[in-house]
């Protein structure tokens, strides 16, 4: 749990420093949770954050499989619709935060268009 919060805080700060405006964090929907919802230029960017210490159980990006992709799309549609923001340009990104043995961030990778929306 703490690992996820750390990853989300680091990801939000990273994206904010690059011109993204964080609209919401940890939004629960009937289909699942959206980690970060941002606006970048004219797009809404749904960001899945993965914080990992090791790749023992697969890489962070491998964890975003077809089932997770379907949940992200459904959650995004629900969230945007309930706020009157749909239809609008939407992009799905991932931020992978690598943590060291003490749980501190040591690297970050931002992957744009992780899902073909």
PDB file of N, CA and C in Angstrom:
ATOM      1  N   UNK A   1       0.828  -1.196   0.000  1.00  0.00           N
ATOM      2  CA  UNK A   1       0.000   0.000   0.000  1.00  0.00           C
ATOM      3  C   UNK A   1       0.871   1.259   0.000  1.00  0.00           C
ATOM      4  N   UNK A   2       1.862   1.331   0.874  1.00  0.00           N
ATOM      5  CA  UNK A   2       2.734   2.503   0.925  1.00  0.00           C
ATOM      6  C   UNK A   2       3.510   2.649  -0.381  1.00  0.00           C
ATOM      7  N   UNK A   3       3.871   1.523  -0.968  1.00  0.00           N
ATOM      8  CA  UNK A   3       4.601   1.549  -2.237  1.00  0.00           C
ATOM      9  C   UNK A   3       3.761   2.224  -3.317  1.00  0.00           C
ATOM     10  N   UNK A   4       2.475   1.899  -3.369  1.00  0.00           N
ATOM     11  CA  UNK A   4       1.581   2.501  -4.355  1.00  0.00           C
ATOM     12  C   UNK A   4       1.416   3.995  -4.147  1.00  0.00           C
ATOM     13  N   UNK A   5       1.252   4.404  -2.890  1.00  0.00           N
ATOM     14  CA  UNK A   5       1.111   5.837  -2.593  1.00  0.00           C
ATOM     15  C   UNK A   5       2.368   6.599  -2.974  1.00  0.00           C
ATOM     16  N   UNK A   6       3.523   6.017  -2.657  1.00  0.00           N
ATOM     17  CA  UNK A   6       4.789   6.658  -3.023  1.00  0.00           C
ATOM     18  C   UNK A   6       4.881   6.813  -4.533  1.00  0.00           C
ATOM     19  N   UNK A   7       4.569   5.758  -5.258  1.00  0.00           N
ATOM     20  CA  UNK A   7       4.614   5.812  -6.716  1.00  0.00           C
ATOM     21  C   UNK A   7       3.693   6.871  -7.281  1.00  0.00           C
ATOM     22  N   UNK A   8       2.487   6.965  -6.746  1.00  0.00           N
ATOM     23  CA  UNK A   8       1.520   7.954  -7.235  1.00  0.00           C
ATOM     24  C   UNK A   8       1.970   9.380  -6.928  1.00  0.00           C
ATOM     25  N   UNK A   9       2.551   9.600  -5.754  1.00  0.00           N
ATOM     26  CA  UNK A   9       3.049  10.935  -5.413  1.00  0.00           C
ATOM     27  C   UNK A   9       4.199  11.344  -6.328  1.00  0.00           C
ATOM     28  N   UNK A  10       5.121  10.423  -6.560  1.00  0.00           N
ATOM     29  CA  UNK A  10       6.265  10.701  -7.436  1.00  0.00           C
ATOM     30  C   UNK A  10       5.781  10.944  -8.865  1.00  0.00           C
ATOM     31  N   UNK A  11       4.862  10.119  -9.343  1.00  0.00           N
ATOM     32  CA  UNK A  11       4.334  10.270 -10.705  1.00  0.00           C
ATOM     33  C   UNK A  11       3.612  11.601 -10.869  1.00  0.00           C
ATOM     34  N   UNK A  12       2.789  11.980  -9.896  1.00  0.00           N
ATOM     35  CA  UNK A  12       2.053  13.251  -9.977  1.00  0.00           C
ATOM     36  C   UNK A  12       3.013  14.434 -10.013  1.00  0.00           C
ATOM     37  N   UNK A  13       4.051  14.406  -9.186  1.00  0.00           N
ATOM     38  CA  UNK A  13       5.036  15.494  -9.178  1.00  0.00           C
ATOM     39  C   UNK A  13       5.792  15.553 -10.504  1.00  0.00           C
ATOM     40  N   UNK A  14       6.173  14.396 -11.032  1.00  0.00           N
ATOM     41  CA  UNK A  14       6.886  14.323 -12.310  1.00  0.00           C
ATOM     42  C   UNK A  14       6.045  14.919 -13.437  1.00  0.00           C
ATOM     43  N   UNK A  15       4.789  14.494 -13.520  1.00  0.00           N
ATOM     44  CA  UNK A  15       3.917  14.977 -14.591  1.00  0.00           C
ATOM     45  C   UNK A  15       3.611  16.464 -14.430  1.00  0.00           C
ATOM     46  N   UNK A  16       3.366  16.911 -13.215  1.00  0.00           N
ATOM     47  CA  UNK A  16       3.096  18.338 -12.966  1.00  0.00           C
ATOM     48  C   UNK A  16       4.268  19.197 -13.418  1.00  0.00           C
ATOM     49  N   UNK A  17       5.478  18.738 -13.156  1.00  0.00           N
ATOM     50  CA  UNK A  17       6.674  19.488 -13.549  1.00  0.00           C
ATOM     51  C   UNK A  17       6.826  19.565 -15.066  1.00  0.00           C
ATOM     52  N   UNK A  18       6.133  18.699 -15.789  1.00  0.00           N
ATOM     53  CA  UNK A  18       6.202  18.683 -17.252  1.00  0.00           C
ATOM     54  C   UNK A  18       4.966  19.277 -17.907  1.00  0.00           C
ATOM     55  N   UNK A  19       4.189  20.006 -17.141  1.00  0.00           N
ATOM     56  CA  UNK A  19       3.063  20.735 -17.718  1.00  0.00           C
ATOM     57  C   UNK A  19       1.719  20.042 -17.652  1.00  0.00           C
ATOM     58  N   UNK A  20       1.647  18.875 -17.045  1.00  0.00           N
ATOM     59  CA  UNK A  20       0.370  18.188 -16.870  1.00  0.00           C
ATOM     60  C   UNK A  20      -0.342  18.804 -15.664  1.00  0.00           C
ATOM     61  N   UNK A  21      -1.653  18.923 -15.757  1.00  0.00           N
ATOM     62  CA  UNK A  21      -2.436  19.389 -14.614  1.00  0.00           C
ATOM     63  C   UNK A  21      -3.176  18.185 -14.052  1.00  0.00           C
ATOM     64  N   UNK A  22      -2.895  17.849 -12.809  1.00  0.00           N
ATOM     65  CA  UNK A  22      -3.548  16.709 -12.169  1.00  0.00           C
ATOM     66  C   UNK A  22      -4.962  17.128 -11.785  1.00  0.00           C
ATOM     67  N   UNK A  23      -5.950  16.468 -12.390  1.00  0.00           N
ATOM     68  CA  UNK A  23      -7.354  16.761 -12.115  1.00  0.00           C
ATOM     69  C   UNK A  23      -7.878  15.962 -10.932  1.00  0.00           C
ATOM     70  N   UNK A  24      -7.417  14.723 -10.794  1.00  0.00           N
ATOM     71  CA  UNK A  24      -7.914  13.857  -9.722  1.00  0.00           C
ATOM     72  C   UNK A  24      -6.927  12.716  -9.486  1.00  0.00           C
ATOM     73  N   UNK A  25      -6.982  12.180  -8.269  1.00  0.00           N
ATOM     74  CA  UNK A  25      -6.154  11.032  -7.891  1.00  0.00           C
ATOM     75  C   UNK A  25      -7.052   9.969  -7.270  1.00  0.00           C
ATOM     76  N   UNK A  26      -6.690   8.715  -7.489  1.00  0.00           N
ATOM     77  CA  UNK A  26      -7.359   7.577  -6.850  1.00  0.00           C
ATOM     78  C   UNK A  26      -8.879   7.652  -6.939  1.00  0.00           C
ATOM     79  N   UNK A  27      -9.374   7.765  -8.142  1.00  0.00           N
ATOM     80  CA  UNK A  27     -10.817   7.866  -8.355  1.00  0.00           C
ATOM     81  C   UNK A  27     -11.430   6.480  -8.511  1.00  0.00           C
ATOM     82  N   UNK A  28     -12.334   6.151  -7.613  1.00  0.00           N
ATOM     83  CA  UNK A  28     -13.022   4.852  -7.672  1.00  0.00           C
ATOM     84  C   UNK A  28     -14.237   4.961  -8.589  1.00  0.00           C
ATOM     85  N   UNK A  29     -14.415   3.936  -9.401  1.00  0.00           N
ATOM     86  CA  UNK A  29     -15.567   3.845 -10.291  1.00  0.00           C
ATOM     87  C   UNK A  29     -16.161   2.446 -10.121  1.00  0.00           C
ATOM     88  N   UNK A  30     -17.321   2.188 -10.687  1.00  0.00           N
ATOM     89  CA  UNK A  30     -17.880   0.831 -10.599  1.00  0.00           C
ATOM     90  C   UNK A  30     -16.991  -0.235 -11.254  1.00  0.00           C
ATOM     91  N   UNK A  31     -16.101   0.175 -12.168  1.00  0.00           N
ATOM     92  CA  UNK A  31     -15.238  -0.787 -12.858  1.00  0.00           C
ATOM     93  C   UNK A  31     -13.850  -0.912 -12.244  1.00  0.00           C
ATOM     94  N   UNK A  32     -13.481  -0.029 -11.349  1.00  0.00           N
ATOM     95  CA  UNK A  32     -12.145  -0.063 -10.771  1.00  0.00           C
ATOM     96  C   UNK A  32     -11.684   1.331 -10.400  1.00  0.00           C
ATOM     97  N   UNK A  33     -10.392   1.456 -10.177  1.00  0.00           N
ATOM     98  CA  UNK A  33      -9.822   2.726  -9.740  1.00  0.00           C
ATOM     99  C   UNK A  33      -8.923   3.318 -10.818  1.00  0.00           C
ATOM    100  N   UNK A  34      -8.972   4.634 -10.937  1.00  0.00           N
ATOM    101  CA  UNK A  34      -8.064   5.371 -11.815  1.00  0.00           C
ATOM    102  C   UNK A  34      -7.034   6.050 -10.921  1.00  0.00           C
ATOM    103  N   UNK A  35      -5.745   5.767 -11.175  1.00  0.00           N
ATOM    104  CA  UNK A  35      -4.690   6.309 -10.311  1.00  0.00           C
ATOM    105  C   UNK A  35      -4.584   7.822 -10.424  1.00  0.00           C
ATOM    106  N   UNK A  36      -4.340   8.314 -11.634  1.00  0.00           N
ATOM    107  CA  UNK A  36      -4.224   9.754 -11.873  1.00  0.00           C
ATOM    108  C   UNK A  36      -5.033  10.123 -13.110  1.00  0.00           C
ATOM    109  N   UNK A  37      -5.706  11.241 -13.027  1.00  0.00           N
ATOM    110  CA  UNK A  37      -6.400  11.796 -14.187  1.00  0.00           C
ATOM    111  C   UNK A  37      -5.832  13.190 -14.383  1.00  0.00           C
ATOM    112  N   UNK A  38      -5.256  13.408 -15.556  1.00  0.00           N
ATOM    113  CA  UNK A  38      -4.567  14.667 -15.829  1.00  0.00           C
ATOM    114  C   UNK A  38      -5.112  15.314 -17.092  1.00  0.00           C
ATOM    115  N   UNK A  39      -4.781  16.562 -17.241  1.00  0.00           N
ATOM    116  CA  UNK A  39      -5.035  17.249 -18.502  1.00  0.00           C
ATOM    117  C   UNK A  39      -3.671  17.707 -19.013  1.00  0.00           C
ATOM    118  N   UNK A  40      -3.428  17.432 -20.285  1.00  0.00           N
ATOM    119  CA  UNK A  40      -2.204  17.890 -20.942  1.00  0.00           C
ATOM    120  C   UNK A  40      -2.608  18.469 -22.289  1.00  0.00           C
ATOM    121  N   UNK A  41      -2.400  19.760 -22.409  1.00  0.00           N
ATOM    122  CA  UNK A  41      -2.866  20.493 -23.581  1.00  0.00           C
ATOM    123  C   UNK A  41      -4.366  20.262 -23.745  1.00  0.00           C
ATOM    124  N   UNK A  42      -4.803  19.673 -24.855  1.00  0.00           N
ATOM    125  CA  UNK A  42      -6.248  19.497 -25.072  1.00  0.00           C
ATOM    126  C   UNK A  42      -6.715  18.072 -24.789  1.00  0.00           C
ATOM    127  N   UNK A  43      -5.865  17.242 -24.187  1.00  0.00           N
ATOM    128  CA  UNK A  43      -6.225  15.845 -23.920  1.00  0.00           C
ATOM    129  C   UNK A  43      -6.435  15.597 -22.428  1.00  0.00           C
ATOM    130  N   UNK A  44      -7.324  14.672 -22.140  1.00  0.00           N
ATOM    131  CA  UNK A  44      -7.394  14.104 -20.800  1.00  0.00           C
ATOM    132  C   UNK A  44      -6.494  12.870 -20.828  1.00  0.00           C
ATOM    133  N   UNK A  45      -5.616  12.766 -19.845  1.00  0.00           N
ATOM    134  CA  UNK A  45      -4.668  11.653 -19.798  1.00  0.00           C
ATOM    135  C   UNK A  45      -4.956  10.822 -18.548  1.00  0.00           C
ATOM    136  N   UNK A  46      -5.324   9.582 -18.774  1.00  0.00           N
ATOM    137  CA  UNK A  46      -5.547   8.629 -17.692  1.00  0.00           C
ATOM    138  C   UNK A  46      -4.210   7.930 -17.463  1.00  0.00           C
ATOM    139  N   UNK A  47      -3.698   8.024 -16.235  1.00  0.00           N
ATOM    140  CA  UNK A  47      -2.358   7.503 -15.945  1.00  0.00           C
ATOM    141  C   UNK A  47      -2.449   6.336 -14.963  1.00  0.00           C
ATOM    142  N   UNK A  48      -1.962   5.196 -15.394  1.00  0.00           N
ATOM    143  CA  UNK A  48      -1.827   4.028 -14.524  1.00  0.00           C
ATOM    144  C   UNK A  48      -0.419   4.069 -13.941  1.00  0.00           C
ATOM    145  N   UNK A  49      -0.320   4.060 -12.626  1.00  0.00           N
ATOM    146  CA  UNK A  49       0.975   4.140 -11.954  1.00  0.00           C
ATOM    147  C   UNK A  49       1.329   2.763 -11.415  1.00  0.00           C
ATOM    148  N   UNK A  50       2.541   2.329 -11.713  1.00  0.00           N
ATOM    149  CA  UNK A  50       3.043   1.058 -11.204  1.00  0.00           C
ATOM    150  C   UNK A  50       4.347   1.322 -10.469  1.00  0.00           C
ATOM    151  N   UNK A  51       4.382   0.970  -9.195  1.00  0.00           N
ATOM    152  CA  UNK A  51       5.597   1.116  -8.393  1.00  0.00           C
ATOM    153  C   UNK A  51       6.104  -0.279  -8.056  1.00  0.00           C
ATOM    154  N   UNK A  52       7.345  -0.532  -8.387  1.00  0.00           N
ATOM    155  CA  UNK A  52       7.914  -1.865  -8.182  1.00  0.00           C
ATOM    156  C   UNK A  52       9.325  -1.767  -7.615  1.00  0.00           C
ATOM    157  N   UNK A  53       9.664  -2.760  -6.801  1.00  0.00           N
ATOM    158  CA  UNK A  53      11.036  -2.901  -6.315  1.00  0.00           C
ATOM    159  C   UNK A  53      11.811  -3.879  -7.193  1.00  0.00           C
ATOM    160  N   UNK A  54      11.113  -4.892  -7.705  1.00  0.00           N
ATOM    161  CA  UNK A  54      11.749  -5.905  -8.555  1.00  0.00           C
ATOM    162  C   UNK A  54      10.788  -6.301  -9.673  1.00  0.00           C
ATOM    163  N   UNK A  55      11.329  -7.041 -10.610  1.00  0.00           N
ATOM    164  CA  UNK A  55      10.505  -7.605 -11.683  1.00  0.00           C
ATOM    165  C   UNK A  55      10.300  -9.109 -11.468  1.00  0.00           C
ATOM    166  N   UNK A  56      10.388  -9.553 -10.226  1.00  0.00           N
ATOM    167  CA  UNK A  56      10.271 -10.986  -9.924  1.00  0.00           C
ATOM    168  C   UNK A  56       8.978 -11.601 -10.450  1.00  0.00           C
ATOM    169  N   UNK A  57       7.913 -10.822 -10.482  1.00  0.00           N
ATOM    170  CA  UNK A  57       6.616 -11.336 -10.941  1.00  0.00           C
ATOM    171  C   UNK A  57       6.214 -10.714 -12.273  1.00  0.00           C
ATOM    172  N   UNK A  58       7.194 -10.320 -13.061  1.00  0.00           N
ATOM    173  CA  UNK A  58       6.925  -9.683 -14.347  1.00  0.00           C
ATOM    174  C   UNK A  58       7.135  -8.181 -14.252  1.00  0.00           C
ATOM    175  N   UNK A  59       7.309  -7.567 -15.396  1.00  0.00           N
ATOM    176  CA  UNK A  59       7.531  -6.123 -15.400  1.00  0.00           C
ATOM    177  C   UNK A  59       6.233  -5.395 -15.077  1.00  0.00           C
ATOM    178  N   UNK A  60       6.390  -4.155 -14.699  1.00  0.00           N
ATOM    179  CA  UNK A  60       5.221  -3.337 -14.360  1.00  0.00           C
ATOM    180  C   UNK A  60       4.290  -3.199 -15.559  1.00  0.00           C
ATOM    181  N   UNK A  61       4.849  -3.024 -16.745  1.00  0.00           N
ATOM    182  CA  UNK A  61       4.004  -2.869 -17.931  1.00  0.00           C
ATOM    183  C   UNK A  61       3.284  -4.160 -18.294  1.00  0.00           C
ATOM    184  N   UNK A  62       3.888  -5.302 -17.982  1.00  0.00           N
ATOM    185  CA  UNK A  62       3.212  -6.580 -18.234  1.00  0.00           C
ATOM    186  C   UNK A  62       1.960  -6.729 -17.372  1.00  0.00           C
ATOM    187  N   UNK A  63       1.908  -6.003 -16.263  1.00  0.00           N
ATOM    188  CA  UNK A  63       0.738  -6.060 -15.376  1.00  0.00           C
ATOM    189  C   UNK A  63      -0.474  -5.362 -15.984  1.00  0.00           C
ATOM    190  N   UNK A  64      -0.257  -4.596 -17.050  1.00  0.00           N
ATOM    191  CA  UNK A  64      -1.368  -3.918 -17.726  1.00  0.00           C
ATOM    192  C   UNK A  64      -1.760  -4.771 -18.930  1.00  0.00           C
ATOM    193  N   UNK A  65      -2.437  -5.858 -18.643  1.00  0.00           N
ATOM    194  CA  UNK A  65      -2.867  -6.785 -19.682  1.00  0.00           C
ATOM    195  C   UNK A  65      -4.245  -6.429 -20.210  1.00  0.00           C
ATOM    196  N   UNK A  66      -4.831  -7.298 -21.020  1.00  0.00           N
ATOM    197  CA  UNK A  66      -6.143  -7.024 -21.626  1.00  0.00           C
ATOM    198  C   UNK A  66      -7.251  -6.765 -20.603  1.00  0.00           C
ATOM    199  N   UNK A  67      -7.253  -7.516 -19.511  1.00  0.00           N
ATOM    200  CA  UNK A  67      -8.297  -7.322 -18.490  1.00  0.00           C
ATOM    201  C   UNK A  67      -8.162  -5.950 -17.821  1.00  0.00           C
ATOM    202  N   UNK A  68      -6.926  -5.584 -17.465  1.00  0.00           N
ATOM    203  CA  UNK A  68      -6.685  -4.275 -16.852  1.00  0.00           C
ATOM    204  C   UNK A  68      -7.004  -3.166 -17.848  1.00  0.00           C
ATOM    205  N   UNK A  69      -6.638  -3.351 -19.105  1.00  0.00           N
ATOM    206  CA  UNK A  69      -6.920  -2.349 -20.138  1.00  0.00           C
ATOM    207  C   UNK A  69      -8.420  -2.117 -20.271  1.00  0.00           C
ATOM    208  N   UNK A  70      -9.189  -3.189 -20.241  1.00  0.00           N
ATOM    209  CA  UNK A  70     -10.642  -3.067 -20.342  1.00  0.00           C
ATOM    210  C   UNK A  70     -11.214  -2.303 -19.148  1.00  0.00           C
ATOM    211  N   UNK A  71     -10.713  -2.594 -17.963  1.00  0.00           N
ATOM    212  CA  UNK A  71     -11.168  -1.878 -16.763  1.00  0.00           C
ATOM    213  C   UNK A  71     -10.801  -0.402 -16.821  1.00  0.00           C
ATOM    214  N   UNK A  72      -9.593  -0.112 -17.294  1.00  0.00           N
ATOM    215  CA  UNK A  72      -9.178   1.292 -17.402  1.00  0.00           C
ATOM    216  C   UNK A  72     -10.070   2.054 -18.375  1.00  0.00           C
ATOM    217  N   UNK A  73     -10.340   1.450 -19.518  1.00  0.00           N
ATOM    218  CA  UNK A  73     -11.206   2.109 -20.504  1.00  0.00           C
ATOM    219  C   UNK A  73     -12.610   2.345 -19.944  1.00  0.00           C
ATOM    220  N   UNK A  74     -13.174   1.317 -19.316  1.00  0.00           N
ATOM    221  CA  UNK A  74     -14.511   1.447 -18.739  1.00  0.00           C
ATOM    222  C   UNK A  74     -14.560   2.472 -17.618  1.00  0.00           C
ATOM    223  N   UNK A  75     -13.556   2.456 -16.766  1.00  0.00           N
ATOM    224  CA  UNK A  75     -13.495   3.422 -15.665  1.00  0.00           C
ATOM    225  C   UNK A  75     -13.357   4.840 -16.185  1.00  0.00           C
ATOM    226  N   UNK A  76     -12.522   5.015 -17.198  1.00  0.00           N
ATOM    227  CA  UNK A  76     -12.332   6.350 -17.779  1.00  0.00           C
ATOM    228  C   UNK A  76     -13.626   6.853 -18.404  1.00  0.00           C
ATOM    229  N   UNK A  77     -14.296   6.009 -19.157  1.00  0.00           N
ATOM    230  CA  UNK A  77     -15.560   6.397 -19.785  1.00  0.00           C
ATOM    231  C   UNK A  77     -16.584   6.805 -18.725  1.00  0.00           C
ATOM    232  N   UNK A  78     -16.700   6.006 -17.669  1.00  0.00           N
ATOM    233  CA  UNK A  78     -17.644   6.313 -16.596  1.00  0.00           C
ATOM    234  C   UNK A  78     -17.290   7.643 -15.937  1.00  0.00           C
ATOM    235  N   UNK A  79     -16.013   7.818 -15.573  1.00  0.00           N
ATOM    236  CA  UNK A  79     -15.581   9.034 -14.869  1.00  0.00           C
ATOM    237  C   UNK A  79     -15.812  10.270 -15.734  1.00  0.00           C
ATOM    238  N   UNK A  80     -15.409  10.203 -16.984  1.00  0.00           N
ATOM    239  CA  UNK A  80     -15.571  11.351 -17.884  1.00  0.00           C
ATOM    240  C   UNK A  80     -17.046  11.656 -18.126  1.00  0.00           C
ATOM    241  N   UNK A  81     -17.855  10.617 -18.299  1.00  0.00           N
ATOM    242  CA  UNK A  81     -19.290  10.813 -18.548  1.00  0.00           C
ATOM    243  C   UNK A  81     -19.991  11.456 -17.362  1.00  0.00           C
ATOM    244  N   UNK A  82     -19.630  11.054 -16.153  1.00  0.00           N
ATOM    245  CA  UNK A  82     -20.297  11.597 -14.967  1.00  0.00           C
ATOM    246  C   UNK A  82     -19.903  13.046 -14.698  1.00  0.00           C
ATOM    247  N   UNK A  83     -18.873  13.518 -15.366  1.00  0.00           N
ATOM    248  CA  UNK A  83     -18.429  14.899 -15.193  1.00  0.00           C
ATOM    249  C   UNK A  83     -18.677  15.767 -16.429  1.00  0.00           C
ATOM    250  N   UNK A  84     -19.404  15.217 -17.382  1.00  0.00           N
ATOM    251  CA  UNK A  84     -19.727  15.968 -18.588  1.00  0.00           C
ATOM    252  C   UNK A  84     -18.533  16.236 -19.486  1.00  0.00           C
ATOM    253  N   UNK A  85     -17.491  15.432 -19.361  1.00  0.00           N
ATOM    254  CA  UNK A  85     -16.272  15.634 -20.152  1.00  0.00           C
ATOM    255  C   UNK A  85     -16.184  14.709 -21.358  1.00  0.00           C
ATOM    256  N   UNK A  86     -17.176  13.871 -21.549  1.00  0.00           N
ATOM    257  CA  UNK A  86     -17.118  12.929 -22.666  1.00  0.00           C
ATOM    258  C   UNK A  86     -18.100  13.373 -23.733  1.00  0.00           C
ATOM    259  N   UNK A  87     -17.788  13.368 -24.994  1.00  0.00           N
ATOM    260  CA  UNK A  87     -16.535  12.885 -25.561  1.00  0.00           C
ATOM    261  C   UNK A  87     -15.454  13.963 -25.538  1.00  0.00           C
ATOM    262  N   UNK A  88     -14.247  13.530 -25.380  1.00  0.00           N
ATOM    263  CA  UNK A  88     -13.082  14.407 -25.450  1.00  0.00           C
ATOM    264  C   UNK A  88     -11.882  13.542 -25.809  1.00  0.00           C
ATOM    265  N   UNK A  89     -10.806  14.152 -26.289  1.00  0.00           N
ATOM    266  CA  UNK A  89      -9.617  13.354 -26.592  1.00  0.00           C
ATOM    267  C   UNK A  89      -9.057  12.742 -25.305  1.00  0.00           C
ATOM    268  N   UNK A  90      -8.859  11.437 -25.315  1.00  0.00           N
ATOM    269  CA  UNK A  90      -8.352  10.725 -24.142  1.00  0.00           C
ATOM    270  C   UNK A  90      -7.132   9.909 -24.542  1.00  0.00           C
ATOM    271  N   UNK A  91      -6.152   9.918 -23.671  1.00  0.00           N
ATOM    272  CA  UNK A  91      -4.942   9.120 -23.877  1.00  0.00           C
ATOM    273  C   UNK A  91      -4.685   8.339 -22.589  1.00  0.00           C
ATOM    274  N   UNK A  92      -4.162   7.140 -22.733  1.00  0.00           N
ATOM    275  CA  UNK A  92      -3.823   6.308 -21.580  1.00  0.00           C
ATOM    276  C   UNK A  92      -2.307   6.176 -21.506  1.00  0.00           C
ATOM    277  N   UNK A  93      -1.739   6.635 -20.396  1.00  0.00           N
ATOM    278  CA  UNK A  93      -0.301   6.549 -20.171  1.00  0.00           C
ATOM    279  C   UNK A  93      -0.030   5.664 -18.963  1.00  0.00           C
ATOM    280  N   UNK A  94       1.225   5.284 -18.812  1.00  0.00           N
ATOM    281  CA  UNK A  94       1.668   4.585 -17.603  1.00  0.00           C
ATOM    282  C   UNK A  94       2.915   5.284 -17.091  1.00  0.00           C
ATOM    283  N   UNK A  95       3.052   5.328 -15.793  1.00  0.00           N
ATOM    284  CA  UNK A  95       4.285   5.787 -15.166  1.00  0.00           C
ATOM    285  C   UNK A  95       4.766   4.643 -14.284  1.00  0.00           C
ATOM    286  N   UNK A  96       5.977   4.181 -14.570  1.00  0.00           N
ATOM    287  CA  UNK A  96       6.586   3.095 -13.810  1.00  0.00           C
ATOM    288  C   UNK A  96       7.642   3.707 -12.901  1.00  0.00           C
ATOM    289  N   UNK A  97       7.469   3.516 -11.610  1.00  0.00           N
ATOM    290  CA  UNK A  97       8.407   4.038 -10.622  1.00  0.00           C
ATOM    291  C   UNK A  97       9.154   2.855 -10.022  1.00  0.00           C
ATOM    292  N   UNK A  98      10.460   2.868 -10.151  1.00  0.00           N
ATOM    293  CA  UNK A  98      11.304   1.821  -9.558  1.00  0.00           C
ATOM    294  C   UNK A  98      11.717   2.298  -8.168  1.00  0.00           C
ATOM    295  N   UNK A  99      11.514   1.436  -7.175  1.00  0.00           N
ATOM    296  CA  UNK A  99      11.854   1.762  -5.793  1.00  0.00           C
ATOM    297  C   UNK A  99      13.057   0.942  -5.346  1.00  0.00           C
ATOM    298  N   UNK A 100      13.879   1.549  -4.487  1.00  0.00           N
ATOM    299  CA  UNK A 100      15.031   0.818  -3.958  1.00  0.00           C
ATOM    300  C   UNK A 100      14.600  -0.032  -2.758  1.00  0.00           C
ATOM    301  N   UNK A 101      15.561  -0.641  -2.091  1.00  0.00           N
ATOM    302  CA  UNK A 101      15.268  -1.526  -0.963  1.00  0.00           C
ATOM    303  C   UNK A 101      14.582  -0.849   0.209  1.00  0.00           C
ATOM    304  N   UNK A 102      14.738   0.465   0.323  1.00  0.00           N
ATOM    305  CA  UNK A 102      14.091   1.219   1.398  1.00  0.00           C
ATOM    306  C   UNK A 102      12.743   1.794   0.966  1.00  0.00           C
ATOM    307  N   UNK A 103      12.339   1.500  -0.266  1.00  0.00           N
ATOM    308  CA  UNK A 103      11.064   2.014  -0.762  1.00  0.00           C
ATOM    309  C   UNK A 103      11.134   3.428  -1.292  1.00  0.00           C
ATOM    310  N   UNK A 104      12.348   3.899  -1.561  1.00  0.00           N
ATOM    311  CA  UNK A 104      12.527   5.245  -2.105  1.00  0.00           C
ATOM    312  C   UNK A 104      12.657   5.173  -3.621  1.00  0.00           C
ATOM    313  N   UNK A 105      12.113   6.157  -4.333  1.00  0.00           N
ATOM    314  CA  UNK A 105      12.187   6.117  -5.798  1.00  0.00           C
ATOM    315  C   UNK A 105      13.618   6.280  -6.292  1.00  0.00           C
ATOM    316  N   UNK A 106      14.011   5.434  -7.237  1.00  0.00           N
ATOM    317  CA  UNK A 106      15.354   5.546  -7.813  1.00  0.00           C
ATOM    318  C   UNK A 106      15.317   5.732  -9.326  1.00  0.00           C
ATOM    319  N   UNK A 107      14.188   5.452  -9.972  1.00  0.00           N
ATOM    320  CA  UNK A 107      14.048   5.745 -11.399  1.00  0.00           C
ATOM    321  C   UNK A 107      12.573   5.825 -11.753  1.00  0.00           C
ATOM    322  N   UNK A 108      12.320   6.444 -12.896  1.00  0.00           N
ATOM    323  CA  UNK A 108      10.941   6.631 -13.346  1.00  0.00           C
ATOM    324  C   UNK A 108      10.916   6.542 -14.858  1.00  0.00           C
ATOM    325  N   UNK A 109       9.879   5.917 -15.381  1.00  0.00           N
ATOM    326  CA  UNK A 109       9.691   5.814 -16.834  1.00  0.00           C
ATOM    327  C   UNK A 109       8.252   6.176 -17.164  1.00  0.00           C
ATOM    328  N   UNK A 110       8.083   7.135 -18.061  1.00  0.00           N
ATOM    329  CA  UNK A 110       6.755   7.566 -18.503  1.00  0.00           C
ATOM    330  C   UNK A 110       6.519   6.983 -19.893  1.00  0.00           C
ATOM    331  N   UNK A 111       5.476   6.181 -20.024  1.00  0.00           N
ATOM    332  CA  UNK A 111       5.138   5.555 -21.302  1.00  0.00           C
ATOM    333  C   UNK A 111       3.825   6.153 -21.787  1.00  0.00           C
ATOM    334  N   UNK A 112       3.896   6.888 -22.880  1.00  0.00           N
ATOM    335  CA  UNK A 112       2.695   7.493 -23.458  1.00  0.00           C
ATOM    336  C   UNK A 112       1.959   6.466 -24.311  1.00  0.00           C
ATOM    337  N   UNK A 113       0.632   6.634 -24.377  1.00  0.00           N
ATOM    338  CA  UNK A 113      -0.205   5.766 -25.218  1.00  0.00           C
ATOM    339  C   UNK A 113       0.001   4.285 -24.923  1.00  0.00           C
ATOM    340  N   UNK A 114      -0.003   3.937 -23.653  1.00  0.00           N
ATOM    341  CA  UNK A 114       0.217   2.545 -23.267  1.00  0.00           C
ATOM    342  C   UNK A 114      -0.928   1.648 -23.748  1.00  0.00           C
ATOM    343  N   UNK A 115      -2.102   2.228 -23.914  1.00  0.00           N
ATOM    344  CA  UNK A 115      -3.240   1.514 -24.505  1.00  0.00           C
ATOM    345  C   UNK A 115      -3.586   2.200 -25.808  1.00  0.00           C
ATOM    346  N   UNK A 116      -3.966   1.438 -26.769  1.00  0.00           N
ATOM    347  CA  UNK A 116      -4.481   2.039 -27.994  1.00  0.00           C
ATOM    348  C   UNK A 116      -5.927   2.396 -27.724  1.00  0.00           C
ATOM    349  N   UNK A 117      -6.166   3.653 -27.399  1.00  0.00           N
ATOM    350  CA  UNK A 117      -7.503   4.103 -26.959  1.00  0.00           C
ATOM    351  C   UNK A 117      -8.524   4.023 -28.060  1.00  0.00           C
TER     352      UNK A 117
END
